[in-house]
Amino acid sequence: MTTVLVTGANRGIGLEFVRQYAADGVEVIACCRTPAKADALKTVAGKVRIMALDVADPASVKALKRELGATPIDILINNAGIGLPPERDGIDYDAWLNVFRVNTLGPMIVSEALRENLKRGKDRKIATITSGLGSIAGNTGGWTPYRASKAAVNSLMKNLAVEWAGDGVTVAILSPGWVKTDMGGPSAQLTPEQSVKALRARIAELSPKTSGHFLGHTGHEIAW
């Protein structure tokens, strides 16, 4: 049976990944910071194992790894992320650093911690959910720390695609589009269901040829 681990699984895109994979009979390890408060996640039918994980806390990542042991993971979905309101006057250093801890370092330390689990899996795929706002070529200003954190995680994931190719690990760097979530707002173009259905198709077709490419949810290349 295929096993998928999803971070940030308690709401939005992460929750929808859990719902769709579980509905297809996939075994899902659904990770979030506070499982006790993940009411919507608890209602998902299927083979869903809810586990605690704060991707910005190395100790939490290590604890997850200890609990998982040698469990094979076929697909790791680095979905957990945070936004930040547009900056006004000056730089809030602590807030900016937290954005980088979650959006940039989080996917990296989770991937590194679960490398052996992925190597034990059949698919050996990592999918990191980034953003079109991480495109430097397409930068129109605003949302500075968020944009930078996503551009940085894109670079890290490209590195993994190159460095872990020898392990048979492929890496998808995927923008979900503008989605109706707490972050995307009600005016967004896509529902979580639509976005995740498309993202799952991109993950399913991921191969060494497309590993490390920066792609939109429809499969189109996004300029770095």
N, C-alpha and C. Protein backbone atom coordinates (compact mmCIF):
# COMPACT_ATOMS: atom_id res chain seq x y z
N MET A 1 0.83 -1.20 0.00
CA MET A 1 0.00 0.00 0.00
C MET A 1 0.87 1.25 0.00
N THR A 2 0.44 2.24 -0.76
CA THR A 2 1.15 3.51 -0.82
C THR A 2 0.98 4.28 0.48
N THR A 3 2.07 4.88 0.97
CA THR A 3 2.02 5.70 2.18
C THR A 3 2.46 7.11 1.83
N VAL A 4 1.61 8.08 2.19
CA VAL A 4 1.89 9.49 1.93
C VAL A 4 1.93 10.24 3.26
N LEU A 5 2.96 11.04 3.46
CA LEU A 5 3.05 11.88 4.66
C LEU A 5 2.83 13.33 4.24
N VAL A 6 1.89 14.00 4.91
CA VAL A 6 1.54 15.38 4.60
C VAL A 6 1.80 16.25 5.82
N THR A 7 2.54 17.34 5.64
CA THR A 7 2.72 18.30 6.73
C THR A 7 1.69 19.42 6.58
N GLY A 8 1.38 20.08 7.68
CA GLY A 8 0.36 21.13 7.64
C GLY A 8 -0.98 20.58 7.19
N ALA A 9 -1.33 19.42 7.77
CA ALA A 9 -2.47 18.64 7.26
C ALA A 9 -3.81 19.00 7.89
N ASN A 10 -3.85 19.98 8.76
CA ASN A 10 -5.08 20.23 9.52
C ASN A 10 -6.03 21.21 8.86
N ARG A 11 -5.60 21.83 7.75
CA ARG A 11 -6.52 22.78 7.10
C ARG A 11 -6.07 23.03 5.65
N GLY A 12 -6.93 23.71 4.90
CA GLY A 12 -6.59 24.16 3.57
C GLY A 12 -6.12 23.07 2.63
N ILE A 13 -5.05 23.34 1.92
CA ILE A 13 -4.52 22.42 0.92
C ILE A 13 -4.06 21.11 1.56
N GLY A 14 -3.43 21.20 2.72
CA GLY A 14 -2.96 20.00 3.40
C GLY A 14 -4.09 19.06 3.75
N LEU A 15 -5.16 19.61 4.30
CA LEU A 15 -6.33 18.81 4.66
C LEU A 15 -6.94 18.17 3.43
N GLU A 16 -6.98 18.91 2.33
CA GLU A 16 -7.55 18.36 1.10
C GLU A 16 -6.69 17.23 0.53
N PHE A 17 -5.36 17.35 0.66
CA PHE A 17 -4.49 16.24 0.27
C PHE A 17 -4.87 14.98 1.06
N VAL A 18 -5.05 15.13 2.36
CA VAL A 18 -5.41 13.99 3.20
C VAL A 18 -6.73 13.39 2.74
N ARG A 19 -7.72 14.23 2.52
CA ARG A 19 -9.04 13.75 2.11
C ARG A 19 -8.98 12.96 0.80
N GLN A 20 -8.30 13.53 -0.18
CA GLN A 20 -8.29 12.89 -1.49
C GLN A 20 -7.47 11.61 -1.51
N TYR A 21 -6.32 11.63 -0.89
CA TYR A 21 -5.51 10.40 -0.86
C TYR A 21 -6.22 9.31 -0.06
N ALA A 22 -6.77 9.68 1.09
CA ALA A 22 -7.46 8.68 1.93
C ALA A 22 -8.66 8.09 1.20
N ALA A 23 -9.36 8.93 0.44
CA ALA A 23 -10.53 8.45 -0.32
C ALA A 23 -10.13 7.44 -1.38
N ASP A 24 -8.87 7.52 -1.82
CA ASP A 24 -8.37 6.57 -2.82
C ASP A 24 -7.73 5.34 -2.20
N GLY A 25 -7.85 5.19 -0.89
CA GLY A 25 -7.33 4.01 -0.22
C GLY A 25 -5.87 4.08 0.14
N VAL A 26 -5.28 5.27 0.04
CA VAL A 26 -3.88 5.46 0.41
C VAL A 26 -3.76 5.59 1.92
N GLU A 27 -2.69 5.07 2.48
CA GLU A 27 -2.41 5.26 3.90
C GLU A 27 -1.76 6.62 4.08
N VAL A 28 -2.37 7.49 4.88
CA VAL A 28 -1.90 8.85 5.03
C VAL A 28 -1.41 9.11 6.45
N ILE A 29 -0.21 9.65 6.56
CA ILE A 29 0.31 10.14 7.84
C ILE A 29 0.12 11.64 7.81
N ALA A 30 -0.84 12.12 8.57
CA ALA A 30 -1.25 13.52 8.55
C ALA A 30 -0.63 14.26 9.74
N CYS A 31 0.26 15.19 9.45
CA CYS A 31 1.01 15.86 10.51
C CYS A 31 0.56 17.31 10.69
N CYS A 32 0.43 17.70 11.94
CA CYS A 32 0.09 19.09 12.26
C CYS A 32 0.62 19.40 13.65
N ARG A 33 0.66 20.68 14.00
CA ARG A 33 1.27 21.07 15.27
C ARG A 33 0.48 20.59 16.48
N THR A 34 -0.85 20.66 16.40
CA THR A 34 -1.68 20.33 17.56
C THR A 34 -2.78 19.36 17.16
N PRO A 35 -2.49 18.06 17.12
CA PRO A 35 -3.51 17.08 16.72
C PRO A 35 -4.80 17.15 17.55
N ALA A 36 -4.69 17.49 18.81
CA ALA A 36 -5.88 17.53 19.66
C ALA A 36 -6.90 18.55 19.18
N LYS A 37 -6.44 19.58 18.47
CA LYS A 37 -7.34 20.63 17.98
C LYS A 37 -7.68 20.48 16.51
N ALA A 38 -7.21 19.42 15.88
CA ALA A 38 -7.43 19.23 14.44
C ALA A 38 -8.76 18.54 14.20
N ASP A 39 -9.85 19.24 14.50
CA ASP A 39 -11.18 18.62 14.45
C ASP A 39 -11.55 18.16 13.05
N ALA A 40 -11.31 18.97 12.04
CA ALA A 40 -11.67 18.58 10.67
C ALA A 40 -10.86 17.38 10.22
N LEU A 41 -9.61 17.35 10.59
CA LEU A 41 -8.74 16.23 10.21
C LEU A 41 -9.22 14.92 10.82
N LYS A 42 -9.73 15.00 12.03
CA LYS A 42 -10.19 13.79 12.72
C LYS A 42 -11.41 13.16 12.05
N THR A 43 -12.12 13.93 11.25
CA THR A 43 -13.34 13.41 10.61
C THR A 43 -13.06 12.73 9.28
N VAL A 44 -11.83 12.80 8.79
CA VAL A 44 -11.52 12.21 7.48
C VAL A 44 -11.56 10.70 7.57
N ALA A 45 -12.34 10.10 6.70
CA ALA A 45 -12.45 8.65 6.68
C ALA A 45 -11.27 8.03 5.95
N GLY A 46 -10.93 6.82 6.34
CA GLY A 46 -9.85 6.11 5.67
C GLY A 46 -8.70 5.80 6.61
N LYS A 47 -7.59 5.38 6.04
CA LYS A 47 -6.42 5.01 6.83
C LYS A 47 -5.56 6.24 7.07
N VAL A 48 -5.94 7.01 8.09
CA VAL A 48 -5.28 8.27 8.40
C VAL A 48 -4.68 8.20 9.80
N ARG A 49 -3.40 8.40 9.88
CA ARG A 49 -2.69 8.43 11.16
C ARG A 49 -2.27 9.87 11.43
N ILE A 50 -2.81 10.46 12.49
CA ILE A 50 -2.51 11.85 12.81
C ILE A 50 -1.34 11.91 13.78
N MET A 51 -0.33 12.71 13.43
CA MET A 51 0.87 12.80 14.24
C MET A 51 1.27 14.26 14.45
N ALA A 52 1.87 14.53 15.58
CA ALA A 52 2.28 15.89 15.91
C ALA A 52 3.57 16.25 15.19
N LEU A 53 3.61 17.46 14.63
CA LEU A 53 4.82 17.94 13.98
C LEU A 53 4.77 19.45 13.83
N ASP A 54 5.81 20.11 14.34
CA ASP A 54 6.04 21.53 14.08
C ASP A 54 7.29 21.58 13.22
N VAL A 55 7.12 21.89 11.93
CA VAL A 55 8.25 21.81 11.00
C VAL A 55 9.35 22.82 11.32
N ALA A 56 9.00 23.86 12.09
CA ALA A 56 9.99 24.88 12.44
C ALA A 56 10.79 24.53 13.69
N ASP A 57 10.47 23.40 14.30
CA ASP A 57 11.12 22.98 15.55
C ASP A 57 11.90 21.69 15.30
N PRO A 58 13.23 21.76 15.23
CA PRO A 58 14.03 20.56 14.97
C PRO A 58 13.76 19.43 15.95
N ALA A 59 13.48 19.76 17.21
CA ALA A 59 13.18 18.73 18.19
C ALA A 59 11.90 17.99 17.84
N SER A 60 10.91 18.72 17.34
CA SER A 60 9.65 18.10 16.93
C SER A 60 9.86 17.18 15.73
N VAL A 61 10.71 17.62 14.80
CA VAL A 61 11.01 16.79 13.62
C VAL A 61 11.71 15.51 14.04
N LYS A 62 12.65 15.62 14.97
CA LYS A 62 13.36 14.44 15.46
C LYS A 62 12.41 13.48 16.17
N ALA A 63 11.46 14.05 16.92
CA ALA A 63 10.49 13.21 17.63
C ALA A 63 9.62 12.44 16.64
N LEU A 64 9.21 13.10 15.56
CA LEU A 64 8.43 12.42 14.53
C LEU A 64 9.23 11.28 13.93
N LYS A 65 10.49 11.55 13.63
CA LYS A 65 11.34 10.52 13.04
C LYS A 65 11.47 9.32 13.99
N ARG A 66 11.65 9.58 15.27
CA ARG A 66 11.76 8.48 16.25
C ARG A 66 10.49 7.65 16.25
N GLU A 67 9.34 8.31 16.21
CA GLU A 67 8.07 7.59 16.27
C GLU A 67 7.82 6.79 14.99
N LEU A 68 8.24 7.33 13.87
CA LEU A 68 8.05 6.61 12.60
C LEU A 68 9.02 5.45 12.45
N GLY A 69 10.20 5.59 13.05
CA GLY A 69 11.19 4.54 12.92
C GLY A 69 11.58 4.34 11.47
N ALA A 70 11.51 3.09 11.01
CA ALA A 70 11.89 2.76 9.64
C ALA A 70 10.69 2.66 8.69
N THR A 71 9.55 3.21 9.10
CA THR A 71 8.34 3.15 8.26
C THR A 71 8.62 3.67 6.85
N PRO A 72 8.37 2.90 5.82
CA PRO A 72 8.59 3.39 4.46
C PRO A 72 7.59 4.51 4.13
N ILE A 73 8.07 5.54 3.46
CA ILE A 73 7.23 6.63 2.99
C ILE A 73 7.41 6.73 1.48
N ASP A 74 6.31 6.63 0.75
CA ASP A 74 6.37 6.70 -0.70
C ASP A 74 6.40 8.14 -1.20
N ILE A 75 5.57 8.98 -0.60
CA ILE A 75 5.48 10.37 -1.02
C ILE A 75 5.47 11.26 0.21
N LEU A 76 6.39 12.20 0.25
CA LEU A 76 6.43 13.23 1.31
C LEU A 76 5.92 14.53 0.71
N ILE A 77 4.88 15.09 1.29
CA ILE A 77 4.34 16.36 0.81
C ILE A 77 4.64 17.44 1.84
N ASN A 78 5.59 18.29 1.52
CA ASN A 78 5.95 19.42 2.38
C ASN A 78 4.97 20.56 2.09
N ASN A 79 3.88 20.58 2.84
CA ASN A 79 2.83 21.55 2.60
C ASN A 79 2.79 22.66 3.64
N ALA A 80 3.25 22.40 4.86
CA ALA A 80 3.13 23.40 5.93
C ALA A 80 3.80 24.70 5.53
N GLY A 81 3.12 25.81 5.76
CA GLY A 81 3.68 27.11 5.43
C GLY A 81 2.85 28.21 6.06
N ILE A 82 3.45 29.38 6.16
CA ILE A 82 2.74 30.54 6.71
C ILE A 82 2.97 31.73 5.79
N GLY A 83 2.04 32.66 5.84
CA GLY A 83 2.17 33.91 5.11
C GLY A 83 2.55 35.02 6.08
N LEU A 84 2.55 36.24 5.58
CA LEU A 84 2.85 37.40 6.42
C LEU A 84 2.18 38.59 5.76
N PRO A 85 1.43 39.40 6.52
CA PRO A 85 0.81 40.59 5.91
C PRO A 85 1.86 41.46 5.24
N PRO A 86 1.50 42.17 4.18
CA PRO A 86 2.47 43.06 3.51
C PRO A 86 3.11 44.01 4.51
N GLU A 87 4.43 44.18 4.38
CA GLU A 87 5.15 45.02 5.33
C GLU A 87 4.75 46.48 5.16
N ARG A 88 4.81 47.21 6.23
CA ARG A 88 4.49 48.64 6.19
C ARG A 88 5.76 49.45 6.43
N ASP A 89 6.09 49.71 7.68
CA ASP A 89 7.28 50.50 7.98
C ASP A 89 8.30 49.63 8.69
N GLY A 90 9.50 49.53 8.11
CA GLY A 90 10.56 48.79 8.78
C GLY A 90 10.41 47.30 8.63
N ILE A 91 11.33 46.59 9.26
CA ILE A 91 11.37 45.13 9.18
C ILE A 91 11.15 44.55 10.57
N ASP A 92 10.18 43.65 10.66
CA ASP A 92 9.95 42.91 11.90
C ASP A 92 10.83 41.66 11.81
N TYR A 93 12.04 41.73 12.37
CA TYR A 93 13.02 40.66 12.20
C TYR A 93 12.52 39.31 12.70
N ASP A 94 11.89 39.30 13.88
CA ASP A 94 11.41 38.03 14.43
C ASP A 94 10.36 37.40 13.53
N ALA A 95 9.45 38.23 13.01
CA ALA A 95 8.40 37.72 12.13
C ALA A 95 8.99 37.20 10.83
N TRP A 96 9.96 37.93 10.28
CA TRP A 96 10.60 37.49 9.04
C TRP A 96 11.34 36.17 9.25
N LEU A 97 12.07 36.08 10.36
CA LEU A 97 12.81 34.84 10.63
C LEU A 97 11.87 33.66 10.79
N ASN A 98 10.71 33.89 11.38
CA ASN A 98 9.76 32.79 11.56
C ASN A 98 9.22 32.31 10.22
N VAL A 99 9.01 33.24 9.28
CA VAL A 99 8.57 32.86 7.94
C VAL A 99 9.60 31.94 7.29
N PHE A 100 10.87 32.28 7.44
CA PHE A 100 11.93 31.44 6.86
C PHE A 100 12.06 30.11 7.59
N ARG A 101 11.85 30.13 8.90
CA ARG A 101 11.93 28.86 9.66
C ARG A 101 10.88 27.87 9.15
N VAL A 102 9.67 28.37 8.93
CA VAL A 102 8.58 27.49 8.52
C VAL A 102 8.64 27.16 7.03
N ASN A 103 8.74 28.20 6.20
CA ASN A 103 8.60 28.02 4.75
C ASN A 103 9.84 27.48 4.06
N THR A 104 11.02 27.80 4.60
CA THR A 104 12.26 27.43 3.94
C THR A 104 12.97 26.28 4.64
N LEU A 105 13.29 26.48 5.92
CA LEU A 105 14.03 25.45 6.64
C LEU A 105 13.15 24.25 6.98
N GLY A 106 11.86 24.49 7.23
CA GLY A 106 10.96 23.39 7.58
C GLY A 106 10.98 22.26 6.58
N PRO A 107 10.69 22.54 5.29
CA PRO A 107 10.71 21.45 4.30
C PRO A 107 12.07 20.76 4.21
N MET A 108 13.14 21.53 4.42
CA MET A 108 14.47 20.94 4.30
C MET A 108 14.76 19.97 5.44
N ILE A 109 14.46 20.39 6.68
CA ILE A 109 14.80 19.51 7.81
C ILE A 109 13.88 18.30 7.86
N VAL A 110 12.63 18.46 7.42
CA VAL A 110 11.72 17.30 7.37
C VAL A 110 12.20 16.32 6.31
N SER A 111 12.56 16.82 5.14
CA SER A 111 13.07 15.94 4.08
C SER A 111 14.32 15.21 4.52
N GLU A 112 15.24 15.93 5.14
CA GLU A 112 16.49 15.32 5.59
C GLU A 112 16.22 14.25 6.64
N ALA A 113 15.32 14.54 7.58
CA ALA A 113 15.02 13.59 8.65
C ALA A 113 14.40 12.31 8.11
N LEU A 114 13.62 12.43 7.03
CA LEU A 114 12.88 11.27 6.51
C LEU A 114 13.52 10.67 5.26
N ARG A 115 14.77 11.01 5.01
CA ARG A 115 15.45 10.52 3.80
C ARG A 115 15.48 9.00 3.75
N GLU A 116 15.83 8.37 4.84
CA GLU A 116 15.89 6.90 4.85
C GLU A 116 14.52 6.28 4.69
N ASN A 117 13.49 6.92 5.25
CA ASN A 117 12.12 6.42 5.09
C ASN A 117 11.72 6.46 3.61
N LEU A 118 12.10 7.56 2.94
CA LEU A 118 11.80 7.68 1.51
C LEU A 118 12.53 6.63 0.70
N LYS A 119 13.77 6.36 1.05
CA LYS A 119 14.55 5.36 0.32
C LYS A 119 13.95 3.96 0.48
N ARG A 120 13.22 3.74 1.58
CA ARG A 120 12.56 2.46 1.80
C ARG A 120 11.24 2.36 1.05
N GLY A 121 10.73 3.51 0.56
CA GLY A 121 9.45 3.52 -0.13
C GLY A 121 9.56 3.09 -1.58
N LYS A 122 8.42 2.92 -2.22
CA LYS A 122 8.38 2.50 -3.63
C LYS A 122 8.54 3.71 -4.55
N ASP A 123 7.82 4.77 -4.27
CA ASP A 123 7.79 5.92 -5.17
C ASP A 123 8.97 6.86 -4.98
N ARG A 124 9.39 7.04 -3.73
CA ARG A 124 10.53 7.91 -3.41
C ARG A 124 10.36 9.32 -3.97
N LYS A 125 9.21 9.93 -3.65
CA LYS A 125 8.91 11.26 -4.16
C LYS A 125 8.76 12.28 -3.03
N ILE A 126 9.29 13.47 -3.27
CA ILE A 126 9.08 14.62 -2.39
C ILE A 126 8.33 15.67 -3.21
N ALA A 127 7.25 16.19 -2.67
CA ALA A 127 6.54 17.30 -3.30
C ALA A 127 6.51 18.46 -2.31
N THR A 128 7.16 19.55 -2.67
CA THR A 128 7.14 20.72 -1.81
C THR A 128 6.21 21.76 -2.42
N ILE A 129 5.22 22.19 -1.63
CA ILE A 129 4.25 23.17 -2.11
C ILE A 129 4.82 24.56 -1.88
N THR A 130 5.16 25.21 -2.97
CA THR A 130 5.75 26.53 -2.91
C THR A 130 4.71 27.55 -3.36
N SER A 131 5.11 28.55 -4.11
CA SER A 131 4.18 29.58 -4.57
C SER A 131 4.74 30.26 -5.81
N GLY A 132 3.85 30.69 -6.69
CA GLY A 132 4.29 31.48 -7.83
C GLY A 132 4.95 32.77 -7.39
N LEU A 133 4.65 33.21 -6.17
CA LEU A 133 5.29 34.42 -5.65
C LEU A 133 6.78 34.20 -5.38
N GLY A 134 7.21 32.94 -5.42
CA GLY A 134 8.63 32.65 -5.26
C GLY A 134 9.43 32.85 -6.53
N SER A 135 8.76 33.21 -7.61
CA SER A 135 9.46 33.47 -8.87
C SER A 135 10.14 34.83 -8.80
N ILE A 136 11.46 34.85 -8.93
CA ILE A 136 12.20 36.11 -8.93
C ILE A 136 11.92 36.86 -10.23
N ALA A 137 11.84 36.14 -11.33
CA ALA A 137 11.57 36.77 -12.63
C ALA A 137 10.20 37.44 -12.65
N GLY A 138 9.25 36.86 -11.90
CA GLY A 138 7.89 37.40 -11.90
C GLY A 138 7.57 38.31 -10.73
N ASN A 139 8.60 38.74 -10.01
CA ASN A 139 8.39 39.55 -8.81
C ASN A 139 7.82 40.91 -9.16
N THR A 140 6.67 41.24 -8.60
CA THR A 140 6.04 42.54 -8.82
C THR A 140 6.04 43.39 -7.57
N GLY A 141 6.81 42.97 -6.56
CA GLY A 141 6.90 43.74 -5.33
C GLY A 141 5.91 43.29 -4.28
N GLY A 142 6.16 43.69 -3.04
CA GLY A 142 5.28 43.32 -1.94
C GLY A 142 5.56 41.93 -1.40
N TRP A 143 5.04 41.65 -0.24
CA TRP A 143 5.15 40.34 0.39
C TRP A 143 6.61 39.85 0.42
N THR A 144 7.49 40.75 0.74
CA THR A 144 8.93 40.50 0.60
C THR A 144 9.42 39.24 1.31
N PRO A 145 9.17 39.08 2.62
CA PRO A 145 9.70 37.87 3.27
C PRO A 145 9.07 36.60 2.76
N TYR A 146 7.78 36.63 2.44
CA TYR A 146 7.11 35.44 1.93
C TYR A 146 7.70 35.04 0.58
N ARG A 147 7.83 36.03 -0.32
CA ARG A 147 8.42 35.75 -1.64
C ARG A 147 9.81 35.16 -1.49
N ALA A 148 10.62 35.80 -0.63
CA ALA A 148 12.00 35.35 -0.47
C ALA A 148 12.07 33.95 0.13
N SER A 149 11.18 33.65 1.07
CA SER A 149 11.19 32.32 1.69
C SER A 149 10.85 31.24 0.68
N LYS A 150 9.95 31.57 -0.25
CA LYS A 150 9.57 30.59 -1.26
C LYS A 150 10.64 30.44 -2.34
N ALA A 151 11.27 31.56 -2.71
CA ALA A 151 12.39 31.46 -3.66
C ALA A 151 13.51 30.63 -3.06
N ALA A 152 13.74 30.80 -1.77
CA ALA A 152 14.81 30.05 -1.10
C ALA A 152 14.48 28.56 -1.02
N VAL A 153 13.24 28.21 -0.69
CA VAL A 153 12.90 26.79 -0.62
C VAL A 153 12.95 26.15 -2.00
N ASN A 154 12.62 26.93 -3.03
CA ASN A 154 12.75 26.41 -4.39
C ASN A 154 14.20 26.00 -4.67
N SER A 155 15.13 26.86 -4.25
CA SER A 155 16.55 26.57 -4.46
C SER A 155 16.98 25.34 -3.68
N LEU A 156 16.54 25.21 -2.44
CA LEU A 156 16.90 24.05 -1.64
C LEU A 156 16.37 22.76 -2.25
N MET A 157 15.14 22.80 -2.73
CA MET A 157 14.55 21.60 -3.32
C MET A 157 15.22 21.23 -4.65
N LYS A 158 15.65 22.25 -5.40
CA LYS A 158 16.41 21.96 -6.62
C LYS A 158 17.70 21.24 -6.26
N ASN A 159 18.35 21.69 -5.18
CA ASN A 159 19.56 21.01 -4.70
C ASN A 159 19.28 19.55 -4.37
N LEU A 160 18.17 19.30 -3.64
CA LEU A 160 17.84 17.92 -3.28
C LEU A 160 17.61 17.07 -4.53
N ALA A 161 16.94 17.65 -5.53
CA ALA A 161 16.67 16.91 -6.76
C ALA A 161 17.97 16.44 -7.40
N VAL A 162 18.99 17.28 -7.32
CA VAL A 162 20.29 16.92 -7.90
C VAL A 162 21.04 15.95 -7.00
N GLU A 163 21.11 16.28 -5.71
CA GLU A 163 21.96 15.52 -4.79
C GLU A 163 21.38 14.16 -4.42
N TRP A 164 20.05 14.01 -4.43
CA TRP A 164 19.45 12.75 -4.03
C TRP A 164 19.02 11.89 -5.21
N ALA A 165 19.33 12.33 -6.42
CA ALA A 165 18.96 11.55 -7.60
C ALA A 165 19.55 10.14 -7.55
N GLY A 166 20.75 10.03 -6.98
CA GLY A 166 21.40 8.74 -6.87
C GLY A 166 20.66 7.77 -5.96
N ASP A 167 19.81 8.30 -5.07
CA ASP A 167 18.98 7.48 -4.19
C ASP A 167 17.66 7.10 -4.86
N GLY A 168 17.45 7.60 -6.08
CA GLY A 168 16.18 7.36 -6.75
C GLY A 168 15.07 8.27 -6.28
N VAL A 169 15.41 9.35 -5.55
CA VAL A 169 14.42 10.29 -5.04
C VAL A 169 14.19 11.39 -6.07
N THR A 170 12.92 11.64 -6.38
CA THR A 170 12.56 12.74 -7.28
C THR A 170 11.84 13.81 -6.48
N VAL A 171 11.98 15.05 -6.94
CA VAL A 171 11.48 16.20 -6.17
C VAL A 171 10.61 17.09 -7.04
N ALA A 172 9.38 17.31 -6.60
CA ALA A 172 8.47 18.22 -7.28
C ALA A 172 8.44 19.55 -6.52
N ILE A 173 8.58 20.64 -7.25
CA ILE A 173 8.50 21.99 -6.68
C ILE A 173 7.25 22.60 -7.30
N LEU A 174 6.16 22.67 -6.55
CA LEU A 174 4.85 22.93 -7.12
C LEU A 174 4.14 24.15 -6.54
N SER A 175 3.70 25.02 -7.42
CA SER A 175 2.83 26.12 -7.03
C SER A 175 1.38 25.65 -7.13
N PRO A 176 0.58 25.84 -6.08
CA PRO A 176 -0.80 25.34 -6.11
C PRO A 176 -1.78 26.25 -6.84
N GLY A 177 -1.31 27.41 -7.31
CA GLY A 177 -2.22 28.39 -7.86
C GLY A 177 -2.80 29.25 -6.75
N TRP A 178 -3.71 30.12 -7.12
CA TRP A 178 -4.35 31.00 -6.14
C TRP A 178 -5.59 30.28 -5.60
N VAL A 179 -5.51 29.83 -4.36
CA VAL A 179 -6.50 28.91 -3.81
C VAL A 179 -7.30 29.55 -2.68
N LYS A 180 -8.58 29.22 -2.63
CA LYS A 180 -9.48 29.74 -1.60
C LYS A 180 -9.19 29.08 -0.25
N THR A 181 -8.18 29.57 0.43
CA THR A 181 -7.82 29.10 1.77
C THR A 181 -7.76 30.31 2.69
N ASP A 182 -7.40 30.07 3.96
CA ASP A 182 -7.24 31.20 4.88
C ASP A 182 -6.20 32.18 4.34
N MET A 183 -5.16 31.65 3.70
CA MET A 183 -4.11 32.51 3.16
C MET A 183 -4.52 33.14 1.84
N GLY A 184 -5.16 32.35 0.96
CA GLY A 184 -5.51 32.84 -0.37
C GLY A 184 -6.70 33.77 -0.40
N GLY A 185 -7.61 33.61 0.58
CA GLY A 185 -8.78 34.47 0.64
C GLY A 185 -9.92 34.01 -0.25
N PRO A 186 -11.12 34.61 -0.07
CA PRO A 186 -12.31 34.17 -0.79
C PRO A 186 -12.34 34.55 -2.26
N SER A 187 -11.48 35.46 -2.69
CA SER A 187 -11.48 35.90 -4.09
C SER A 187 -10.60 35.04 -4.98
N ALA A 188 -9.94 34.05 -4.40
CA ALA A 188 -9.02 33.20 -5.16
C ALA A 188 -9.75 32.44 -6.27
N GLN A 189 -8.99 31.99 -7.23
CA GLN A 189 -9.55 31.38 -8.43
C GLN A 189 -9.88 29.90 -8.29
N LEU A 190 -9.21 29.21 -7.38
CA LEU A 190 -9.35 27.76 -7.28
C LEU A 190 -9.88 27.34 -5.91
N THR A 191 -10.65 26.28 -5.88
CA THR A 191 -11.00 25.66 -4.61
C THR A 191 -9.86 24.72 -4.21
N PRO A 192 -9.74 24.37 -2.93
CA PRO A 192 -8.74 23.39 -2.54
C PRO A 192 -8.89 22.08 -3.30
N GLU A 193 -10.14 21.66 -3.55
CA GLU A 193 -10.37 20.41 -4.27
C GLU A 193 -9.76 20.46 -5.67
N GLN A 194 -9.97 21.58 -6.37
CA GLN A 194 -9.44 21.72 -7.73
C GLN A 194 -7.92 21.76 -7.74
N SER A 195 -7.36 22.52 -6.82
CA SER A 195 -5.91 22.65 -6.77
C SER A 195 -5.24 21.32 -6.45
N VAL A 196 -5.74 20.63 -5.44
CA VAL A 196 -5.11 19.38 -5.01
C VAL A 196 -5.27 18.29 -6.06
N LYS A 197 -6.40 18.25 -6.72
CA LYS A 197 -6.57 17.26 -7.81
C LYS A 197 -5.49 17.46 -8.86
N ALA A 198 -5.23 18.72 -9.21
CA ALA A 198 -4.19 19.01 -10.21
C ALA A 198 -2.80 18.71 -9.67
N LEU A 199 -2.55 19.07 -8.41
CA LEU A 199 -1.24 18.81 -7.81
C LEU A 199 -0.96 17.31 -7.72
N ARG A 200 -1.97 16.53 -7.41
CA ARG A 200 -1.78 15.09 -7.34
C ARG A 200 -1.42 14.51 -8.71
N ALA A 201 -1.98 15.09 -9.74
CA ALA A 201 -1.63 14.64 -11.10
C ALA A 201 -0.16 14.95 -11.39
N ARG A 202 0.30 16.11 -10.93
CA ARG A 202 1.72 16.47 -11.14
C ARG A 202 2.63 15.53 -10.35
N ILE A 203 2.22 15.18 -9.14
CA ILE A 203 3.02 14.26 -8.32
C ILE A 203 3.04 12.88 -8.96
N ALA A 204 1.90 12.44 -9.47
CA ALA A 204 1.82 11.11 -10.07
C ALA A 204 2.72 10.99 -11.30
N GLU A 205 2.83 12.07 -12.07
CA GLU A 205 3.63 12.01 -13.30
C GLU A 205 5.08 12.42 -13.09
N LEU A 206 5.46 12.75 -11.85
CA LEU A 206 6.83 13.16 -11.55
C LEU A 206 7.81 12.05 -11.93
N SER A 207 8.88 12.43 -12.60
CA SER A 207 9.89 11.48 -13.03
C SER A 207 11.26 12.14 -12.92
N PRO A 208 12.32 11.38 -13.09
CA PRO A 208 13.66 11.99 -13.08
C PRO A 208 13.80 13.13 -14.08
N LYS A 209 13.06 13.07 -15.18
CA LYS A 209 13.14 14.11 -16.20
C LYS A 209 12.56 15.43 -15.70
N THR A 210 11.53 15.38 -14.85
CA THR A 210 10.90 16.61 -14.36
C THR A 210 11.30 16.94 -12.93
N SER A 211 12.11 16.10 -12.31
CA SER A 211 12.55 16.35 -10.93
C SER A 211 13.32 17.66 -10.85
N GLY A 212 12.97 18.48 -9.87
CA GLY A 212 13.66 19.74 -9.67
C GLY A 212 13.15 20.88 -10.51
N HIS A 213 12.10 20.65 -11.31
CA HIS A 213 11.52 21.72 -12.10
C HIS A 213 10.52 22.50 -11.24
N PHE A 214 10.39 23.81 -11.48
CA PHE A 214 9.45 24.67 -10.78
C PHE A 214 8.20 24.75 -11.65
N LEU A 215 7.12 24.10 -11.19
CA LEU A 215 5.93 23.94 -12.00
C LEU A 215 4.69 24.51 -11.33
N GLY A 216 3.76 24.98 -12.15
CA GLY A 216 2.45 25.36 -11.68
C GLY A 216 1.55 24.15 -11.56
N HIS A 217 0.38 24.33 -10.98
CA HIS A 217 -0.51 23.18 -10.74
C HIS A 217 -0.97 22.53 -12.04
N THR A 218 -0.94 23.28 -13.15
CA THR A 218 -1.36 22.72 -14.44
C THR A 218 -0.20 22.02 -15.15
N GLY A 219 1.00 22.11 -14.60
CA GLY A 219 2.16 21.48 -15.20
C GLY A 219 3.04 22.43 -15.99
N HIS A 220 2.66 23.70 -16.06
CA HIS A 220 3.45 24.67 -16.81
C HIS A 220 4.69 25.07 -16.02
N GLU A 221 5.79 25.31 -16.73
CA GLU A 221 7.03 25.75 -16.11
C GLU A 221 6.88 27.19 -15.63
N ILE A 222 7.41 27.46 -14.44
CA ILE A 222 7.43 28.82 -13.89
C ILE A 222 8.87 29.30 -13.89
N ALA A 223 9.09 30.52 -14.34
CA ALA A 223 10.45 31.07 -14.37
C ALA A 223 10.97 31.23 -12.96
N TRP A 224 12.24 30.82 -12.76
CA TRP A 224 12.84 30.95 -11.44
C TRP A 224 12.88 32.41 -10.99
